[in-house]
């Protein structure tokens, strides 16, 4: 059953801990953040060192402080959007941390250039899909968890959906077919898609194949082959699937998110109608709502 909630939430920023004591300080992620030494070592020793997220020169977060550290919460994985980075999840990491999650239970990686000027050149390439998929698999293997939770924002939603679904694909940039492998659906407990263009961007109708991001093969053009593929099967992103979108989303299009952001077969959605819950505000100001979906399976 789809649930719409239009009331204003309490933003994570509004409830930040102002304590100066180290014991009370929540975990933080910045552009200088990197995986813990234990996780970085594990990645290199277990075949993941070849991926850009594991090379240690981009923002990243997560990992045990020392070998053998026990986990109490299901690991949550954050996948950012086009031209963003792992540092963009600072608000969510802080909120989860304040609610009992340790750095060994929260993971964020960076894919693609952190440059808005290059955003139009990014699309659902084989490279990015393999990166996101490998990160999900790495976190699950490293933590030993039965399942993980995945939260995506913007283009990170559609990348993560295909990464989890697996199967065949075609890269419009390299003109090569590829296969990601079997679905990871059974490895994901909760999937949350924030401000995703699951059914395409209206603005892409104007740019189409002239811009890689909006191309008709593996871009965000409405009805692209890629989008048709990921929307062909309902509810294959995990055991619990939710979306979060806003009628004030300036990138998706004001008043248009309801046509593109819901995920086929989703269990529920949270809807906002006013600023500051635009495209980035949906990610930055909804840490408590993300936590509720992941931990309690509530919208």
C-alpha atoms as a PDB file:
ATOM      1  CA  UNK A   1       0.000   0.000   0.000  1.00  0.00           C
ATOM      2  CA  UNK A   2       1.343   3.401  -0.924  1.00  0.00           C
ATOM      3  CA  UNK A   3       1.482   5.910   1.885  1.00  0.00           C
ATOM      4  CA  UNK A   4       1.717   9.631   1.186  1.00  0.00           C
ATOM      5  CA  UNK A   5       2.862  11.938   3.953  1.00  0.00           C
ATOM      6  CA  UNK A   6       2.795  15.652   3.251  1.00  0.00           C
ATOM      7  CA  UNK A   7       3.604  17.021   6.695  1.00  0.00           C
ATOM      8  CA  UNK A   8       6.904  18.745   7.369  1.00  0.00           C
ATOM      9  CA  UNK A   9       9.468  16.435   9.042  1.00  0.00           C
ATOM     10  CA  UNK A  10      11.968  17.356  11.690  1.00  0.00           C
ATOM     11  CA  UNK A  11      15.209  17.885   9.788  1.00  0.00           C
ATOM     12  CA  UNK A  12      18.355  16.136  10.928  1.00  0.00           C
ATOM     13  CA  UNK A  13      20.064  19.518  11.002  1.00  0.00           C
ATOM     14  CA  UNK A  14      17.565  20.775  13.564  1.00  0.00           C
ATOM     15  CA  UNK A  15      18.443  18.084  16.102  1.00  0.00           C
ATOM     16  CA  UNK A  16      22.217  17.992  15.829  1.00  0.00           C
ATOM     17  CA  UNK A  17      24.211  17.243  18.948  1.00  0.00           C
ATOM     18  CA  UNK A  18      26.125  20.335  20.042  1.00  0.00           C
ATOM     19  CA  UNK A  19      28.091  18.559  22.772  1.00  0.00           C
ATOM     20  CA  UNK A  20      31.846  19.150  22.685  1.00  0.00           C
ATOM     21  CA  UNK A  21      32.750  15.905  24.421  1.00  0.00           C
ATOM     22  CA  UNK A  22      34.357  13.244  22.263  1.00  0.00           C
ATOM     23  CA  UNK A  23      32.237  10.463  23.736  1.00  0.00           C
ATOM     24  CA  UNK A  24      29.017  12.188  22.717  1.00  0.00           C
ATOM     25  CA  UNK A  25      30.122  13.425  19.289  1.00  0.00           C
ATOM     26  CA  UNK A  26      28.341  11.722  16.393  1.00  0.00           C
ATOM     27  CA  UNK A  27      30.253  10.226  13.495  1.00  0.00           C
ATOM     28  CA  UNK A  28      30.946  12.635  10.665  1.00  0.00           C
ATOM     29  CA  UNK A  29      31.868  12.358   7.004  1.00  0.00           C
ATOM     30  CA  UNK A  30      33.687  15.067   5.029  1.00  0.00           C
ATOM     31  CA  UNK A  31      35.576  15.350   1.745  1.00  0.00           C
ATOM     32  CA  UNK A  32      38.657  14.218   3.657  1.00  0.00           C
ATOM     33  CA  UNK A  33      36.997  11.100   5.068  1.00  0.00           C
ATOM     34  CA  UNK A  34      38.274   7.687   3.997  1.00  0.00           C
ATOM     35  CA  UNK A  35      37.509   4.060   4.828  1.00  0.00           C
ATOM     36  CA  UNK A  36      38.954   2.729   8.061  1.00  0.00           C
ATOM     37  CA  UNK A  37      42.367   1.083   7.783  1.00  0.00           C
ATOM     38  CA  UNK A  38      40.780  -2.280   8.486  1.00  0.00           C
ATOM     39  CA  UNK A  39      38.241  -1.973   5.653  1.00  0.00           C
ATOM     40  CA  UNK A  40      40.821  -0.554   3.224  1.00  0.00           C
ATOM     41  CA  UNK A  41      43.163  -3.459   3.962  1.00  0.00           C
ATOM     42  CA  UNK A  42      40.322  -5.946   3.528  1.00  0.00           C
ATOM     43  CA  UNK A  43      39.310  -4.442   0.160  1.00  0.00           C
ATOM     44  CA  UNK A  44      42.845  -4.740  -1.164  1.00  0.00           C
ATOM     45  CA  UNK A  45      43.214  -8.300   0.074  1.00  0.00           C
ATOM     46  CA  UNK A  46      39.868  -9.497  -1.275  1.00  0.00           C
ATOM     47  CA  UNK A  47      39.870  -8.383  -4.909  1.00  0.00           C
ATOM     48  CA  UNK A  48      38.231  -4.954  -4.584  1.00  0.00           C
ATOM     49  CA  UNK A  49      41.365  -2.820  -4.739  1.00  0.00           C
ATOM     50  CA  UNK A  50      40.944  -2.285  -8.497  1.00  0.00           C
ATOM     51  CA  UNK A  51      37.814  -0.174  -8.071  1.00  0.00           C
ATOM     52  CA  UNK A  52      38.068   3.604  -7.844  1.00  0.00           C
ATOM     53  CA  UNK A  53      36.199   3.702  -4.519  1.00  0.00           C
ATOM     54  CA  UNK A  54      38.921   1.523  -2.967  1.00  0.00           C
ATOM     55  CA  UNK A  55      41.954   3.489  -4.172  1.00  0.00           C
ATOM     56  CA  UNK A  56      41.906   5.882  -1.228  1.00  0.00           C
ATOM     57  CA  UNK A  57      41.846   9.168  -3.151  1.00  0.00           C
ATOM     58  CA  UNK A  58      38.128   9.984  -3.061  1.00  0.00           C
ATOM     59  CA  UNK A  59      35.727  10.691  -0.165  1.00  0.00           C
ATOM     60  CA  UNK A  60      34.581   7.498   1.530  1.00  0.00           C
ATOM     61  CA  UNK A  61      33.273   6.336   4.891  1.00  0.00           C
ATOM     62  CA  UNK A  62      32.920   3.105   6.844  1.00  0.00           C
ATOM     63  CA  UNK A  63      34.761   0.165   8.316  1.00  0.00           C
ATOM     64  CA  UNK A  64      35.730  -1.383  11.618  1.00  0.00           C
ATOM     65  CA  UNK A  65      38.000   0.529  13.950  1.00  0.00           C
ATOM     66  CA  UNK A  66      39.860  -2.733  14.563  1.00  0.00           C
ATOM     67  CA  UNK A  67      39.572  -6.352  13.366  1.00  0.00           C
ATOM     68  CA  UNK A  68      36.855  -8.354  15.049  1.00  0.00           C
ATOM     69  CA  UNK A  69      34.691  -5.397  16.049  1.00  0.00           C
ATOM     70  CA  UNK A  70      31.132  -6.670  16.473  1.00  0.00           C
ATOM     71  CA  UNK A  71      28.189  -5.151  14.610  1.00  0.00           C
ATOM     72  CA  UNK A  72      24.763  -4.674  16.174  1.00  0.00           C
ATOM     73  CA  UNK A  73      22.905  -2.955  13.330  1.00  0.00           C
ATOM     74  CA  UNK A  74      22.332  -4.066   9.778  1.00  0.00           C
ATOM     75  CA  UNK A  75      24.921  -2.244   7.618  1.00  0.00           C
ATOM     76  CA  UNK A  76      23.514   0.661   5.607  1.00  0.00           C
ATOM     77  CA  UNK A  77      25.060   1.694   2.280  1.00  0.00           C
ATOM     78  CA  UNK A  78      24.653   5.199   0.845  1.00  0.00           C
ATOM     79  CA  UNK A  79      24.882   5.765  -2.941  1.00  0.00           C
ATOM     80  CA  UNK A  80      25.084   9.452  -3.955  1.00  0.00           C
ATOM     81  CA  UNK A  81      23.901  11.126  -7.137  1.00  0.00           C
ATOM     82  CA  UNK A  82      25.559  12.630 -10.204  1.00  0.00           C
ATOM     83  CA  UNK A  83      28.554  14.932  -9.385  1.00  0.00           C
ATOM     84  CA  UNK A  84      28.100  14.451  -5.616  1.00  0.00           C
ATOM     85  CA  UNK A  85      30.327  12.354  -3.333  1.00  0.00           C
ATOM     86  CA  UNK A  86      30.280  10.275  -0.173  1.00  0.00           C
ATOM     87  CA  UNK A  87      30.670  13.569   1.726  1.00  0.00           C
ATOM     88  CA  UNK A  88      27.163  14.506   0.593  1.00  0.00           C
ATOM     89  CA  UNK A  89      25.748  12.034   3.115  1.00  0.00           C
ATOM     90  CA  UNK A  90      27.058  13.973   6.138  1.00  0.00           C
ATOM     91  CA  UNK A  91      23.571  14.681   7.496  1.00  0.00           C
ATOM     92  CA  UNK A  92      22.413  11.080   7.182  1.00  0.00           C
ATOM     93  CA  UNK A  93      25.588   9.662   8.731  1.00  0.00           C
ATOM     94  CA  UNK A  94      25.248  12.067  11.656  1.00  0.00           C
ATOM     95  CA  UNK A  95      21.595  11.114  12.216  1.00  0.00           C
ATOM     96  CA  UNK A  96      22.253   7.368  12.045  1.00  0.00           C
ATOM     97  CA  UNK A  97      25.261   7.775  14.341  1.00  0.00           C
ATOM     98  CA  UNK A  98      23.198   9.587  16.953  1.00  0.00           C
ATOM     99  CA  UNK A  99      20.765   6.692  16.853  1.00  0.00           C
ATOM    100  CA  UNK A 100      23.290   3.988  17.649  1.00  0.00           C
ATOM    101  CA  UNK A 101      24.992   3.217  14.333  1.00  0.00           C
ATOM    102  CA  UNK A 102      28.778   2.910  14.404  1.00  0.00           C
ATOM    103  CA  UNK A 103      31.120   3.725  11.481  1.00  0.00           C
ATOM    104  CA  UNK A 104      31.418  -0.036  10.985  1.00  0.00           C
ATOM    105  CA  UNK A 105      27.663  -0.080  10.244  1.00  0.00           C
ATOM    106  CA  UNK A 106      27.507   2.873   7.786  1.00  0.00           C
ATOM    107  CA  UNK A 107      29.204   2.919   4.373  1.00  0.00           C
ATOM    108  CA  UNK A 108      29.466   5.589   1.694  1.00  0.00           C
ATOM    109  CA  UNK A 109      31.583   5.505  -1.467  1.00  0.00           C
ATOM    110  CA  UNK A 110      32.209   7.945  -4.319  1.00  0.00           C
ATOM    111  CA  UNK A 111      31.568   7.190  -7.978  1.00  0.00           C
ATOM    112  CA  UNK A 112      32.268   9.543 -10.871  1.00  0.00           C
ATOM    113  CA  UNK A 113      33.738  13.071 -10.912  1.00  0.00           C
ATOM    114  CA  UNK A 114      32.784  15.456  -8.121  1.00  0.00           C
ATOM    115  CA  UNK A 115      32.257  18.229 -10.626  1.00  0.00           C
ATOM    116  CA  UNK A 116      28.841  19.652 -11.607  1.00  0.00           C
ATOM    117  CA  UNK A 117      30.402  20.891 -14.857  1.00  0.00           C
ATOM    118  CA  UNK A 118      30.861  17.261 -15.888  1.00  0.00           C
ATOM    119  CA  UNK A 119      27.444  16.050 -14.763  1.00  0.00           C
ATOM    120  CA  UNK A 120      26.022  15.972 -18.284  1.00  0.00           C
ATOM    121  CA  UNK A 121      28.662  13.443 -19.325  1.00  0.00           C
ATOM    122  CA  UNK A 122      27.693  10.825 -16.736  1.00  0.00           C
ATOM    123  CA  UNK A 123      25.287   7.999 -17.545  1.00  0.00           C
ATOM    124  CA  UNK A 124      24.522   4.447 -16.393  1.00  0.00           C
ATOM    125  CA  UNK A 125      27.787   3.065 -17.712  1.00  0.00           C
ATOM    126  CA  UNK A 126      29.109  -0.439 -17.200  1.00  0.00           C
ATOM    127  CA  UNK A 127      31.923   1.027 -15.085  1.00  0.00           C
ATOM    128  CA  UNK A 128      29.639   2.852 -12.665  1.00  0.00           C
ATOM    129  CA  UNK A 129      27.215  -0.057 -12.408  1.00  0.00           C
ATOM    130  CA  UNK A 130      30.057  -2.440 -11.631  1.00  0.00           C
ATOM    131  CA  UNK A 131      31.456   0.000  -9.046  1.00  0.00           C
ATOM    132  CA  UNK A 132      28.152   0.326  -7.196  1.00  0.00           C
ATOM    133  CA  UNK A 133      27.465  -3.407  -7.361  1.00  0.00           C
ATOM    134  CA  UNK A 134      30.966  -4.267  -6.141  1.00  0.00           C
ATOM    135  CA  UNK A 135      30.590  -1.856  -3.222  1.00  0.00           C
ATOM    136  CA  UNK A 136      27.335  -3.459  -2.111  1.00  0.00           C
ATOM    137  CA  UNK A 137      28.894  -6.903  -2.353  1.00  0.00           C
ATOM    138  CA  UNK A 138      32.065  -5.796  -0.557  1.00  0.00           C
ATOM    139  CA  UNK A 139      30.198  -4.324   2.409  1.00  0.00           C
ATOM    140  CA  UNK A 140      28.083  -7.444   2.796  1.00  0.00           C
ATOM    141  CA  UNK A 141      31.121  -9.735   2.621  1.00  0.00           C
ATOM    142  CA  UNK A 142      33.265  -7.582   4.890  1.00  0.00           C
ATOM    143  CA  UNK A 143      30.631  -7.217   7.609  1.00  0.00           C
ATOM    144  CA  UNK A 144      29.380 -10.795   7.370  1.00  0.00           C
ATOM    145  CA  UNK A 145      25.807  -9.494   7.497  1.00  0.00           C
ATOM    146  CA  UNK A 146      22.942 -11.590   6.178  1.00  0.00           C
ATOM    147  CA  UNK A 147      21.533  -8.484   4.492  1.00  0.00           C
ATOM    148  CA  UNK A 148      22.391  -4.822   3.986  1.00  0.00           C
ATOM    149  CA  UNK A 149      20.279  -1.702   3.535  1.00  0.00           C
ATOM    150  CA  UNK A 150      20.781   0.599   0.541  1.00  0.00           C
ATOM    151  CA  UNK A 151      19.833   4.294   0.322  1.00  0.00           C
ATOM    152  CA  UNK A 152      20.280   6.041  -3.017  1.00  0.00           C
ATOM    153  CA  UNK A 153      19.830   9.646  -4.092  1.00  0.00           C
ATOM    154  CA  UNK A 154      19.108  11.027  -7.568  1.00  0.00           C
ATOM    155  CA  UNK A 155      21.082   9.083 -10.213  1.00  0.00           C
ATOM    156  CA  UNK A 156      22.357   6.902  -7.386  1.00  0.00           C
ATOM    157  CA  UNK A 157      18.842   5.468  -7.197  1.00  0.00           C
ATOM    158  CA  UNK A 158      18.776   4.178 -10.764  1.00  0.00           C
ATOM    159  CA  UNK A 159      22.408   3.043 -10.629  1.00  0.00           C
ATOM    160  CA  UNK A 160      21.772   1.092  -7.428  1.00  0.00           C
ATOM    161  CA  UNK A 161      18.558  -0.440  -8.744  1.00  0.00           C
ATOM    162  CA  UNK A 162      20.313  -1.923 -11.773  1.00  0.00           C
ATOM    163  CA  UNK A 163      23.354  -2.911  -9.727  1.00  0.00           C
ATOM    164  CA  UNK A 164      21.069  -4.934  -7.464  1.00  0.00           C
ATOM    165  CA  UNK A 165      18.969  -6.352 -10.299  1.00  0.00           C
ATOM    166  CA  UNK A 166      22.036  -7.484 -12.237  1.00  0.00           C
ATOM    167  CA  UNK A 167      21.633  -9.055 -15.654  1.00  0.00           C
ATOM    168  CA  UNK A 168      22.413  -7.818 -19.138  1.00  0.00           C
ATOM    169  CA  UNK A 169      23.174  -4.252 -20.170  1.00  0.00           C
ATOM    170  CA  UNK A 170      24.595  -2.153 -22.968  1.00  0.00           C
ATOM    171  CA  UNK A 171      27.040   0.721 -22.563  1.00  0.00           C
ATOM    172  CA  UNK A 172      26.300   3.513 -25.050  1.00  0.00           C
ATOM    173  CA  UNK A 173      29.760   5.002 -24.567  1.00  0.00           C
ATOM    174  CA  UNK A 174      31.811   1.892 -25.270  1.00  0.00           C
ATOM    175  CA  UNK A 175      29.159   0.254 -27.488  1.00  0.00           C
ATOM    176  CA  UNK A 176      29.685  -2.972 -25.558  1.00  0.00           C
ATOM    177  CA  UNK A 177      27.250  -5.462 -24.093  1.00  0.00           C
ATOM    178  CA  UNK A 178      27.870  -6.668 -20.545  1.00  0.00           C
ATOM    179  CA  UNK A 179      26.370  -8.838 -17.818  1.00  0.00           C
ATOM    180  CA  UNK A 180      26.441  -7.851 -14.154  1.00  0.00           C
ATOM    181  CA  UNK A 181      25.538 -11.281 -12.839  1.00  0.00           C
ATOM    182  CA  UNK A 182      22.715 -12.645 -10.742  1.00  0.00           C
ATOM    183  CA  UNK A 183      20.342 -10.375  -8.772  1.00  0.00           C
ATOM    184  CA  UNK A 184      21.420  -9.243  -5.305  1.00  0.00           C
ATOM    185  CA  UNK A 185      17.784  -8.855  -4.245  1.00  0.00           C
ATOM    186  CA  UNK A 186      18.060 -11.408  -1.451  1.00  0.00           C
ATOM    187  CA  UNK A 187      21.049  -9.540  -0.033  1.00  0.00           C
ATOM    188  CA  UNK A 188      19.111  -6.310   0.528  1.00  0.00           C
ATOM    189  CA  UNK A 189      16.664  -5.804   3.376  1.00  0.00           C
ATOM    190  CA  UNK A 190      15.537  -2.206   2.724  1.00  0.00           C
ATOM    191  CA  UNK A 191      16.015  -0.060  -0.380  1.00  0.00           C
ATOM    192  CA  UNK A 192      15.251   3.658  -0.205  1.00  0.00           C
ATOM    193  CA  UNK A 193      15.215   5.764  -3.387  1.00  0.00           C
ATOM    194  CA  UNK A 194      15.406   9.536  -2.760  1.00  0.00           C
ATOM    195  CA  UNK A 195      14.598  11.964  -5.615  1.00  0.00           C
ATOM    196  CA  UNK A 196      15.238   9.347  -8.261  1.00  0.00           C
ATOM    197  CA  UNK A 197      14.272   9.753 -11.912  1.00  0.00           C
ATOM    198  CA  UNK A 198      13.058   6.174 -12.201  1.00  0.00           C
ATOM    199  CA  UNK A 199      10.870   6.972 -15.179  1.00  0.00           C
ATOM    200  CA  UNK A 200      13.110   9.644 -16.683  1.00  0.00           C
ATOM    201  CA  UNK A 201      13.588  13.407 -16.670  1.00  0.00           C
ATOM    202  CA  UNK A 202      11.139  15.649 -18.507  1.00  0.00           C
ATOM    203  CA  UNK A 203      14.055  17.904 -19.472  1.00  0.00           C
ATOM    204  CA  UNK A 204      15.671  14.936 -21.210  1.00  0.00           C
ATOM    205  CA  UNK A 205      12.994  15.133 -23.887  1.00  0.00           C
ATOM    206  CA  UNK A 206      14.767  18.281 -25.122  1.00  0.00           C
ATOM    207  CA  UNK A 207      18.349  17.009 -24.965  1.00  0.00           C
ATOM    208  CA  UNK A 208      18.064  13.255 -25.639  1.00  0.00           C
ATOM    209  CA  UNK A 209      21.131  11.730 -27.308  1.00  0.00           C
ATOM    210  CA  UNK A 210      22.898  15.104 -27.503  1.00  0.00           C
ATOM    211  CA  UNK A 211      23.840  14.712 -23.814  1.00  0.00           C
ATOM    212  CA  UNK A 212      25.117  11.399 -22.362  1.00  0.00           C
ATOM    213  CA  UNK A 213      23.122  11.770 -19.131  1.00  0.00           C
ATOM    214  CA  UNK A 214      19.837  11.979 -21.037  1.00  0.00           C
ATOM    215  CA  UNK A 215      20.552   9.553 -23.866  1.00  0.00           C
ATOM    216  CA  UNK A 216      17.876   7.149 -25.081  1.00  0.00           C
ATOM    217  CA  UNK A 217      19.883   3.969 -24.476  1.00  0.00           C
ATOM    218  CA  UNK A 218      21.259   4.067 -20.928  1.00  0.00           C
ATOM    219  CA  UNK A 219      20.432   7.604 -19.893  1.00  0.00           C
ATOM    220  CA  UNK A 220      17.543   9.345 -18.152  1.00  0.00           C
ATOM    221  CA  UNK A 221      15.433   9.870 -21.258  1.00  0.00           C
ATOM    222  CA  UNK A 222      11.836   8.805 -20.449  1.00  0.00           C
ATOM    223  CA  UNK A 223      11.398   5.337 -21.879  1.00  0.00           C
ATOM    224  CA  UNK A 224      15.126   4.753 -22.425  1.00  0.00           C
ATOM    225  CA  UNK A 225      16.113   1.118 -22.814  1.00  0.00           C
ATOM    226  CA  UNK A 226      17.860   1.249 -19.456  1.00  0.00           C
ATOM    227  CA  UNK A 227      14.850   2.650 -17.592  1.00  0.00           C
ATOM    228  CA  UNK A 228      12.470   0.240 -19.306  1.00  0.00           C
ATOM    229  CA  UNK A 229      14.749  -2.577 -18.170  1.00  0.00           C
ATOM    230  CA  UNK A 230      14.922  -1.626 -14.486  1.00  0.00           C
ATOM    231  CA  UNK A 231      11.168  -0.949 -14.350  1.00  0.00           C
ATOM    232  CA  UNK A 232      10.188  -4.228 -16.014  1.00  0.00           C
ATOM    233  CA  UNK A 233      10.006  -6.171 -12.735  1.00  0.00           C
ATOM    234  CA  UNK A 234       8.317  -4.896  -9.570  1.00  0.00           C
ATOM    235  CA  UNK A 235       9.903  -4.836  -6.120  1.00  0.00           C
ATOM    236  CA  UNK A 236      13.220  -6.480  -6.965  1.00  0.00           C
ATOM    237  CA  UNK A 237      15.440  -4.010  -5.071  1.00  0.00           C
ATOM    238  CA  UNK A 238      15.044  -5.722  -1.691  1.00  0.00           C
ATOM    239  CA  UNK A 239      12.576  -7.070   0.867  1.00  0.00           C
ATOM    240  CA  UNK A 240      11.300  -3.554   1.637  1.00  0.00           C
ATOM    241  CA  UNK A 241      11.240  -0.794  -0.991  1.00  0.00           C
ATOM    242  CA  UNK A 242      10.451   2.888  -0.418  1.00  0.00           C
ATOM    243  CA  UNK A 243      10.724   6.134  -2.343  1.00  0.00           C
ATOM    244  CA  UNK A 244      10.960   9.727  -1.179  1.00  0.00           C
ATOM    245  CA  UNK A 245      10.179  12.641  -3.475  1.00  0.00           C
ATOM    246  CA  UNK A 246       9.055  16.242  -3.568  1.00  0.00           C
ATOM    247  CA  UNK A 247       6.747  18.359  -5.693  1.00  0.00           C
ATOM    248  CA  UNK A 248       9.277  21.148  -5.050  1.00  0.00           C
ATOM    249  CA  UNK A 249      12.153  19.237  -6.660  1.00  0.00           C
ATOM    250  CA  UNK A 250      13.717  21.749  -9.026  1.00  0.00           C
ATOM    251  CA  UNK A 251      15.913  19.225 -10.864  1.00  0.00           C
ATOM    252  CA  UNK A 252      13.247  16.591 -11.444  1.00  0.00           C
ATOM    253  CA  UNK A 253      10.825  19.404 -12.274  1.00  0.00           C
ATOM    254  CA  UNK A 254       8.446  21.249  -9.944  1.00  0.00           C
ATOM    255  CA  UNK A 255       5.259  19.217  -9.729  1.00  0.00           C
ATOM    256  CA  UNK A 256       6.665  16.375 -11.859  1.00  0.00           C
ATOM    257  CA  UNK A 257       8.334  14.054  -9.327  1.00  0.00           C
ATOM    258  CA  UNK A 258       5.143  12.062  -8.828  1.00  0.00           C
ATOM    259  CA  UNK A 259       5.442  10.863 -12.413  1.00  0.00           C
ATOM    260  CA  UNK A 260       9.033   9.646 -12.208  1.00  0.00           C
ATOM    261  CA  UNK A 261      10.288   9.100  -8.648  1.00  0.00           C
ATOM    262  CA  UNK A 262       8.031   6.269  -7.372  1.00  0.00           C
ATOM    263  CA  UNK A 263       9.599   2.820  -7.707  1.00  0.00           C
ATOM    264  CA  UNK A 264       7.459   0.075  -9.302  1.00  0.00           C
ATOM    265  CA  UNK A 265       6.005  -2.196  -6.615  1.00  0.00           C
ATOM    266  CA  UNK A 266       7.229  -0.013  -3.741  1.00  0.00           C
ATOM    267  CA  UNK A 267       5.909  -0.577  -0.225  1.00  0.00           C
ATOM    268  CA  UNK A 268       5.448   3.108   0.508  1.00  0.00           C
ATOM    269  CA  UNK A 269       6.518   6.650  -0.320  1.00  0.00           C
ATOM    270  CA  UNK A 270       7.048   9.887   1.529  1.00  0.00           C
ATOM    271  CA  UNK A 271       6.013  13.028  -0.308  1.00  0.00           C
ATOM    272  CA  UNK A 272       6.887  16.660   0.364  1.00  0.00           C
ATOM    273  CA  UNK A 273       5.403  19.727  -1.280  1.00  0.00           C
ATOM    274  CA  UNK A 274       7.492  22.737  -0.286  1.00  0.00           C
ATOM    275  CA  UNK A 275      11.051  24.029  -0.036  1.00  0.00           C
ATOM    276  CA  UNK A 276      13.554  23.474   1.481  1.00  0.00           C
ATOM    277  CA  UNK A 277      12.735  19.951   0.335  1.00  0.00           C
ATOM    278  CA  UNK A 278      14.048  20.385  -3.170  1.00  0.00           C
ATOM    279  CA  UNK A 279      16.379  17.968  -4.908  1.00  0.00           C
ATOM    280  CA  UNK A 280      19.260  18.180  -2.422  1.00  0.00           C
ATOM    281  CA  UNK A 281      17.116  18.996   0.602  1.00  0.00           C
ATOM    282  CA  UNK A 282      15.381  15.640   0.238  1.00  0.00           C
ATOM    283  CA  UNK A 283      18.699  13.972   0.977  1.00  0.00           C
ATOM    284  CA  UNK A 284      20.210  16.439   3.410  1.00  0.00           C
ATOM    285  CA  UNK A 285      17.188  17.098   5.653  1.00  0.00           C
ATOM    286  CA  UNK A 286      15.522  13.690   5.960  1.00  0.00           C
ATOM    287  CA  UNK A 287      17.951  11.619   8.016  1.00  0.00           C
ATOM    288  CA  UNK A 288      15.271  10.726  10.558  1.00  0.00           C
ATOM    289  CA  UNK A 289      12.889   9.583   7.824  1.00  0.00           C
ATOM    290  CA  UNK A 290      15.609   7.511   6.147  1.00  0.00           C
ATOM    291  CA  UNK A 291      16.349   5.882   9.507  1.00  0.00           C
ATOM    292  CA  UNK A 292      12.675   5.078  10.087  1.00  0.00           C
ATOM    293  CA  UNK A 293      12.401   3.328   6.726  1.00  0.00           C
ATOM    294  CA  UNK A 294      15.599   1.352   7.185  1.00  0.00           C
ATOM    295  CA  UNK A 295      15.340   0.410  10.854  1.00  0.00           C
ATOM    296  CA  UNK A 296      11.599   0.245  11.445  1.00  0.00           C
ATOM    297  CA  UNK A 297      10.221  -0.265   7.918  1.00  0.00           C
ATOM    298  CA  UNK A 298       7.907   2.660   8.453  1.00  0.00           C
ATOM    299  CA  UNK A 299       7.107   5.625   6.240  1.00  0.00           C
END
